[in-house]
Amino acid sequence: MSAQSSPRMRVSAFAPASIGNVSLGFDILGAALKPIDGTQLGDVVSVESADEFALDVVGRFAHKLPGAVSDNIVAHAYHFFADKMQQQGLDCPAVKMQLSKNLPIGSGLGSSASSIVAALDALNQFFDSPFDADSLLLMMGELEGQISGSIHYDNVAPCYLGGMTLMVEQGDKVATQLPVFDNWYWVSCYSGLSVSTAAARNILPKSVSMADTIKFGRQLGVFVDALHRQDQALAAAMMTDVIAEPYRKSLLPGFDESRTFAMQHGALAFGISGSGPTVFAVTNNLADAQQIQQYLADNYIQNDDGFSHICNLDLNGSTVVKG
């Protein structure tokens, strides 16, 4: 069998940045971000027909990626997708791909997940959707696991599905979308430094106390219930990290001072985005969000690579444009 696509068709997919863990949900909770000023915070991958595989890399953080095409995550995504197609008895002709790398690597914003989601979603659409959404999400998690060393969906799931997602991982069901608060602003600030996921995991203890385990479970259960009942105060009160933040914050210069300022100026919660160094503050007041964003831009950002945005949650997730 063969998968068909229009000879001159071009498919582009945008995949948003994401917050892994969301403080209280280590590896099992994630949220997609959308700056309120219209900034495209996420990677874009395009696919078109070609005689042989090719990949171009552009964008603000393109220079941070490996120089060899064979080492690029999008090239890995194409070959991974082609293998999955062949396992289904389908041909996967060569394509030309372009990655617009708008997210910094090692930022805690789901940079690798964004590239993977955009690449696999674009390829799937280009070849007339041989995989359904559940299968594609499983593939996204598998590919990220090959790169990061372990499979976890707290970035790829919200990046692909949008909104806030809770990992289910039962059978073919990977994640479920949770209710959200429409009036919450998520101030996200990347310091410009790089923290590898491996380093951020190595700093964690190998075991968790019974007391912290019970608190983790209670917080997550109460948080999900509060979302469904739209109890903002209770949901925000649960957004503290007893698993990773006490250890990882040592990798983030200015973290304690930034949290103190945010919590004293209207933040409902403050935490580390994924493995860091990006931090986020949640508030239900735009003026407070603007004040916190300005403080973080002035005091938390360490170099010219850093940036700060006031965001809502991106409810659409990965979006595809054909033509």
Protein backbone atom coordinates (compact mmCIF):
# COMPACT_ATOMS: atom_id res chain seq x y z
CA MET A 1 0.00 0.00 0.00
CA SER A 2 1.06 3.62 -0.32
CA ALA A 3 0.10 6.82 1.41
CA GLN A 4 -0.79 9.62 -0.97
CA SER A 5 -0.38 13.38 -0.69
CA SER A 6 -0.96 16.18 -3.17
CA PRO A 7 2.17 16.62 -5.34
CA ARG A 8 2.65 20.33 -4.52
CA MET A 9 0.94 20.41 -1.15
CA ARG A 10 2.70 22.01 1.80
CA VAL A 11 1.61 21.29 5.35
CA SER A 12 2.74 23.33 8.34
CA ALA A 13 2.09 22.55 12.01
CA PHE A 14 2.53 24.88 14.98
CA ALA A 15 3.02 23.32 18.42
CA PRO A 16 2.89 25.59 21.49
CA ALA A 17 5.23 25.83 24.45
CA SER A 18 4.15 23.98 27.56
CA ILE A 19 4.59 23.85 31.31
CA GLY A 20 5.44 20.39 32.59
CA ASN A 21 4.46 19.36 36.12
CA VAL A 22 2.53 22.63 36.79
CA SER A 23 4.23 22.41 40.22
CA LEU A 24 1.91 19.87 41.85
CA GLY A 25 1.75 17.17 39.15
CA PHE A 26 5.27 15.80 38.67
CA ASP A 27 5.39 14.10 35.22
CA ILE A 28 1.57 13.71 35.08
CA LEU A 29 0.24 17.26 34.63
CA GLY A 30 0.95 19.73 31.86
CA ALA A 31 -0.38 22.94 30.33
CA ALA A 32 0.02 24.63 26.92
CA LEU A 33 0.82 28.36 26.73
CA LYS A 34 -0.38 31.16 24.42
CA PRO A 35 0.99 34.71 24.88
CA ILE A 36 -1.78 37.28 25.01
CA ASP A 37 0.17 39.66 22.75
CA GLY A 38 0.02 37.23 19.81
CA THR A 39 3.65 36.11 19.97
CA GLN A 40 4.08 32.66 18.43
CA LEU A 41 5.60 30.81 21.38
CA GLY A 42 6.30 27.40 19.90
CA ASP A 43 7.96 25.60 17.01
CA VAL A 44 6.66 25.32 13.45
CA VAL A 45 7.44 22.41 11.13
CA SER A 46 6.50 22.34 7.46
CA VAL A 47 6.46 19.37 5.07
CA GLU A 48 6.41 19.24 1.27
CA SER A 49 7.21 16.72 -1.43
CA ALA A 50 10.83 16.15 -2.43
CA ASP A 51 13.00 13.69 -4.35
CA GLU A 52 15.11 13.05 -1.26
CA PHE A 53 14.84 13.90 2.41
CA ALA A 54 16.01 17.40 3.33
CA LEU A 55 15.70 19.61 6.38
CA ASP A 56 16.17 23.36 6.75
CA VAL A 57 16.34 24.99 10.17
CA VAL A 58 15.45 28.63 10.77
CA GLY A 59 14.21 30.70 13.70
CA ARG A 60 15.55 32.57 16.72
CA PHE A 61 17.12 29.51 18.36
CA ALA A 62 18.21 27.63 15.23
CA HIS A 63 21.86 28.33 16.03
CA LYS A 64 21.52 26.40 19.31
CA LEU A 65 20.77 23.11 17.52
CA PRO A 66 23.22 20.49 16.21
CA GLY A 67 24.69 21.43 12.86
CA ALA A 68 24.28 18.00 11.26
CA VAL A 69 20.81 17.28 9.85
CA SER A 70 21.07 13.68 11.00
CA ASP A 71 21.30 14.86 14.63
CA ASN A 72 18.22 17.09 14.46
CA ILE A 73 15.12 15.98 16.33
CA VAL A 74 12.93 16.66 13.28
CA ALA A 75 15.05 14.34 11.13
CA HIS A 76 14.63 11.69 13.83
CA ALA A 77 10.88 12.34 13.72
CA TYR A 78 10.72 11.75 9.97
CA HIS A 79 12.60 8.44 10.12
CA PHE A 80 10.57 7.37 13.16
CA PHE A 81 7.33 8.21 11.33
CA ALA A 82 8.51 6.40 8.19
CA ASP A 83 9.25 3.25 10.25
CA LYS A 84 5.77 3.37 11.79
CA MET A 85 4.25 3.78 8.31
CA GLN A 86 6.18 0.78 7.00
CA GLN A 87 4.98 -1.30 9.95
CA GLN A 88 1.45 -0.51 8.73
CA GLY A 89 2.34 -1.57 5.20
CA LEU A 90 2.43 2.02 3.95
CA ASP A 91 5.06 3.77 1.91
CA CYS A 92 6.57 7.02 3.20
CA PRO A 93 8.06 8.96 0.27
CA ALA A 94 10.84 11.46 0.83
CA VAL A 95 9.91 14.97 1.92
CA LYS A 96 11.53 18.32 2.48
CA MET A 97 10.97 19.66 5.98
CA GLN A 98 11.61 23.01 7.61
CA LEU A 99 11.87 23.64 11.34
CA SER A 100 11.31 27.14 12.64
CA LYS A 101 12.97 26.83 16.05
CA ASN A 102 11.33 29.43 18.26
CA LEU A 103 11.82 27.72 21.62
CA PRO A 104 15.19 27.46 23.37
CA ILE A 105 16.48 24.00 24.27
CA GLY A 106 16.86 23.19 27.94
CA SER A 107 14.38 25.94 28.82
CA GLY A 108 11.64 24.06 30.65
CA LEU A 109 9.14 25.08 27.98
CA GLY A 110 8.85 21.70 26.27
CA SER A 111 11.23 22.58 23.43
CA SER A 112 11.83 18.99 22.28
CA ALA A 113 8.14 18.18 22.68
CA SER A 114 7.19 21.15 20.51
CA SER A 115 9.50 20.05 17.69
CA ILE A 116 8.29 16.44 17.93
CA VAL A 117 4.60 17.32 18.06
CA ALA A 118 4.85 19.78 15.17
CA ALA A 119 6.86 17.32 13.06
CA LEU A 120 4.67 14.26 13.61
CA ASP A 121 1.41 16.22 13.32
CA ALA A 122 2.57 17.80 10.05
CA LEU A 123 3.76 14.47 8.64
CA ASN A 124 0.54 12.73 9.64
CA GLN A 125 -1.57 15.40 7.95
CA PHE A 126 0.68 15.44 4.89
CA PHE A 127 0.15 11.71 4.38
CA ASP A 128 -3.64 11.86 4.88
CA SER A 129 -3.75 10.91 8.57
CA PRO A 130 -2.70 7.24 8.68
CA PHE A 131 -2.65 7.48 12.51
CA ASP A 132 -5.48 8.61 14.77
CA ALA A 133 -4.95 11.11 17.58
CA ASP A 134 -4.41 8.51 20.31
CA SER A 135 -1.89 6.58 18.22
CA LEU A 136 -0.06 9.75 17.25
CA LEU A 137 0.20 10.88 20.87
CA LEU A 138 1.65 7.51 21.84
CA MET A 139 4.20 7.93 19.05
CA MET A 140 5.08 11.43 20.27
CA GLY A 141 5.73 10.12 23.77
CA GLU A 142 7.77 7.20 22.46
CA LEU A 143 9.96 9.46 20.35
CA GLU A 144 10.55 11.96 23.14
CA GLY A 145 11.39 9.06 25.42
CA GLN A 146 14.06 7.91 22.99
CA ILE A 147 15.62 11.36 23.13
CA SER A 148 15.23 12.22 26.82
CA GLY A 149 15.77 8.71 28.17
CA SER A 150 12.31 8.13 29.62
CA ILE A 151 8.73 8.37 28.37
CA HIS A 152 6.67 11.10 30.01
CA TYR A 153 3.78 12.94 28.40
CA ASP A 154 3.49 16.11 30.51
CA ASN A 155 4.83 18.22 27.63
CA VAL A 156 3.78 16.36 24.48
CA ALA A 157 0.17 15.86 25.65
CA PRO A 158 -0.72 19.51 26.34
CA CYS A 159 1.37 20.59 23.34
CA TYR A 160 -0.67 18.31 21.05
CA LEU A 161 -4.09 18.43 22.70
CA GLY A 162 -4.05 21.93 24.19
CA GLY A 163 -5.22 23.26 27.54
CA MET A 164 -4.30 21.46 30.74
CA THR A 165 -3.85 17.71 30.55
CA LEU A 166 -3.69 14.96 33.14
CA MET A 167 -1.82 11.82 32.14
CA VAL A 168 -4.03 8.71 32.17
CA GLU A 169 -1.79 6.17 30.41
CA GLN A 170 -4.32 3.35 30.42
CA GLY A 171 -4.40 1.30 27.24
CA ASP A 172 -4.49 3.63 24.24
CA LYS A 173 -5.73 6.55 26.36
CA VAL A 174 -2.73 8.70 27.16
CA ALA A 175 -4.20 11.88 28.61
CA THR A 176 -7.41 13.68 29.43
CA GLN A 177 -8.08 17.41 29.24
CA LEU A 178 -9.08 19.15 32.45
CA PRO A 179 -11.34 22.16 32.98
CA VAL A 180 -9.43 25.44 33.31
CA PHE A 181 -10.02 28.94 34.66
CA ASP A 182 -10.54 31.37 31.79
CA ASN A 183 -9.53 34.38 33.88
CA TRP A 184 -6.10 33.08 34.93
CA TYR A 185 -3.00 34.68 33.48
CA TRP A 186 0.20 32.63 33.32
CA VAL A 187 3.32 34.79 33.44
CA SER A 188 6.14 32.74 31.96
CA CYS A 189 9.78 33.85 32.14
CA TYR A 190 12.80 32.11 30.62
CA SER A 191 16.05 33.28 32.20
CA GLY A 192 18.20 32.56 29.16
CA LEU A 193 20.16 29.85 30.92
CA SER A 194 19.96 26.16 30.01
CA VAL A 195 19.08 23.33 32.38
CA SER A 196 19.22 19.81 30.97
CA THR A 197 16.42 17.44 31.91
CA ALA A 198 19.01 14.86 32.92
CA ALA A 199 20.75 17.28 35.29
CA ALA A 200 17.43 18.38 36.76
CA ARG A 201 16.48 14.75 37.39
CA ASN A 202 19.84 13.80 38.84
CA ILE A 203 19.52 16.45 41.53
CA LEU A 204 16.32 14.84 42.83
CA PRO A 205 16.41 12.31 45.71
CA LYS A 206 15.99 8.66 44.78
CA SER A 207 13.06 8.23 47.16
CA VAL A 208 10.26 10.39 48.56
CA SER A 209 9.09 10.38 52.18
CA MET A 210 5.71 8.96 53.13
CA ALA A 211 4.57 12.41 54.25
CA ASP A 212 5.47 14.02 50.90
CA THR A 213 3.89 11.13 49.00
CA ILE A 214 0.61 11.61 50.85
CA LYS A 215 0.76 15.38 50.34
CA PHE A 216 1.47 14.94 46.62
CA GLY A 217 -1.54 12.65 46.18
CA ARG A 218 -3.81 14.88 48.24
CA GLN A 219 -2.81 18.01 46.36
CA LEU A 220 -3.35 16.44 42.95
CA GLY A 221 -6.73 14.95 43.89
CA VAL A 222 -7.98 18.18 45.45
CA PHE A 223 -6.66 20.25 42.51
CA VAL A 224 -8.49 18.17 39.90
CA ASP A 225 -11.67 18.29 41.97
CA ALA A 226 -11.33 22.07 42.37
CA LEU A 227 -10.94 22.50 38.61
CA HIS A 228 -14.15 20.60 37.98
CA ARG A 229 -15.98 22.63 40.63
CA GLN A 230 -14.33 25.87 39.43
CA ASP A 231 -13.01 26.66 42.90
CA GLN A 232 -10.13 28.96 42.05
CA ALA A 233 -8.88 29.62 45.57
CA LEU A 234 -8.67 25.95 46.45
CA ALA A 235 -7.04 25.01 43.16
CA ALA A 236 -4.39 27.70 43.56
CA ALA A 237 -3.69 26.65 47.15
CA MET A 238 -2.73 23.19 45.90
CA MET A 239 -0.13 24.48 43.44
CA THR A 240 3.00 23.84 45.47
CA ASP A 241 5.73 21.38 44.56
CA VAL A 242 6.84 18.97 47.30
CA ILE A 243 8.70 16.66 44.88
CA ALA A 244 11.12 18.65 42.72
CA GLU A 245 11.15 22.36 43.52
CA PRO A 246 12.96 22.11 46.89
CA TYR A 247 15.94 20.61 45.04
CA ARG A 248 15.74 22.13 41.56
CA LYS A 249 15.46 25.74 42.69
CA SER A 250 19.18 25.66 43.52
CA LEU A 251 19.79 25.49 39.75
CA LEU A 252 17.81 28.72 39.17
CA PRO A 253 19.52 31.99 40.18
CA GLY A 254 17.00 34.46 41.62
CA PHE A 255 14.21 31.93 42.08
CA ASP A 256 13.40 32.62 45.74
CA GLU A 257 13.47 36.37 45.28
CA SER A 258 11.22 36.15 42.22
CA ARG A 259 8.72 33.95 44.01
CA THR A 260 8.64 36.30 47.00
CA PHE A 261 7.96 39.30 44.76
CA ALA A 262 5.27 37.50 42.77
CA MET A 263 3.42 36.20 45.81
CA GLN A 264 3.52 39.68 47.40
CA HIS A 265 2.11 41.26 44.24
CA GLY A 266 -0.99 39.26 43.44
CA ALA A 267 0.27 35.85 42.33
CA LEU A 268 -1.94 32.91 43.24
CA ALA A 269 0.92 30.48 42.65
CA PHE A 270 4.55 30.49 41.52
CA GLY A 271 6.66 27.58 40.33
CA ILE A 272 9.21 26.02 38.03
CA SER A 273 8.15 25.19 34.49
CA GLY A 274 9.19 21.60 33.87
CA SER A 275 12.85 21.16 34.73
CA GLY A 276 13.50 24.91 34.61
CA PRO A 277 14.99 27.43 34.34
CA THR A 278 11.70 28.96 33.14
CA VAL A 279 9.41 29.97 35.99
CA PHE A 280 5.73 30.79 35.94
CA ALA A 281 3.35 32.85 38.05
CA VAL A 282 -0.43 32.53 38.03
CA THR A 283 -2.73 35.47 38.71
CA ASN A 284 -6.33 36.40 37.93
CA ASN A 285 -5.57 40.11 37.51
CA LEU A 286 -3.94 41.53 34.38
CA ALA A 287 -2.37 44.50 36.18
CA ASP A 288 -0.72 42.12 38.66
CA ALA A 289 0.46 39.94 35.77
CA GLN A 290 2.03 42.95 34.08
CA GLN A 291 3.82 43.99 37.27
CA ILE A 292 5.15 40.48 37.85
CA GLN A 293 6.23 40.17 34.23
CA GLN A 294 8.18 43.43 34.45
CA TYR A 295 9.93 42.34 37.64
CA LEU A 296 10.92 39.00 36.11
CA ALA A 297 12.15 40.69 32.93
CA ASP A 298 14.28 43.07 34.97
CA ASN A 299 15.54 40.66 37.61
CA TYR A 300 15.20 37.00 36.57
CA ILE A 301 16.42 37.14 32.97
CA GLN A 302 20.18 36.54 32.83
CA ASN A 303 21.10 37.23 29.18
CA ASP A 304 19.82 38.23 25.74
CA ASP A 305 18.30 34.80 25.11
CA GLY A 306 15.77 35.30 27.92
CA PHE A 307 12.19 36.46 27.51
CA SER A 308 8.97 36.87 29.45
CA HIS A 309 5.34 36.61 28.34
CA ILE A 310 1.91 36.97 29.86
CA CYS A 311 -0.06 33.98 28.63
CA ASN A 312 -3.42 32.31 28.67
CA LEU A 313 -3.61 28.58 28.26
CA ASP A 314 -3.54 27.53 24.60
CA LEU A 315 -6.74 25.52 24.26
CA ASN A 316 -6.06 24.48 20.66
CA GLY A 317 -2.72 22.72 21.01
CA SER A 318 -1.03 21.75 17.77
CA THR A 319 -2.60 23.40 14.73
CA VAL A 320 -2.10 22.48 11.09
CA VAL A 321 -2.33 24.64 7.97
CA LYS A 322 -2.39 23.16 4.46
CA GLY A 323 -1.50 24.95 1.28
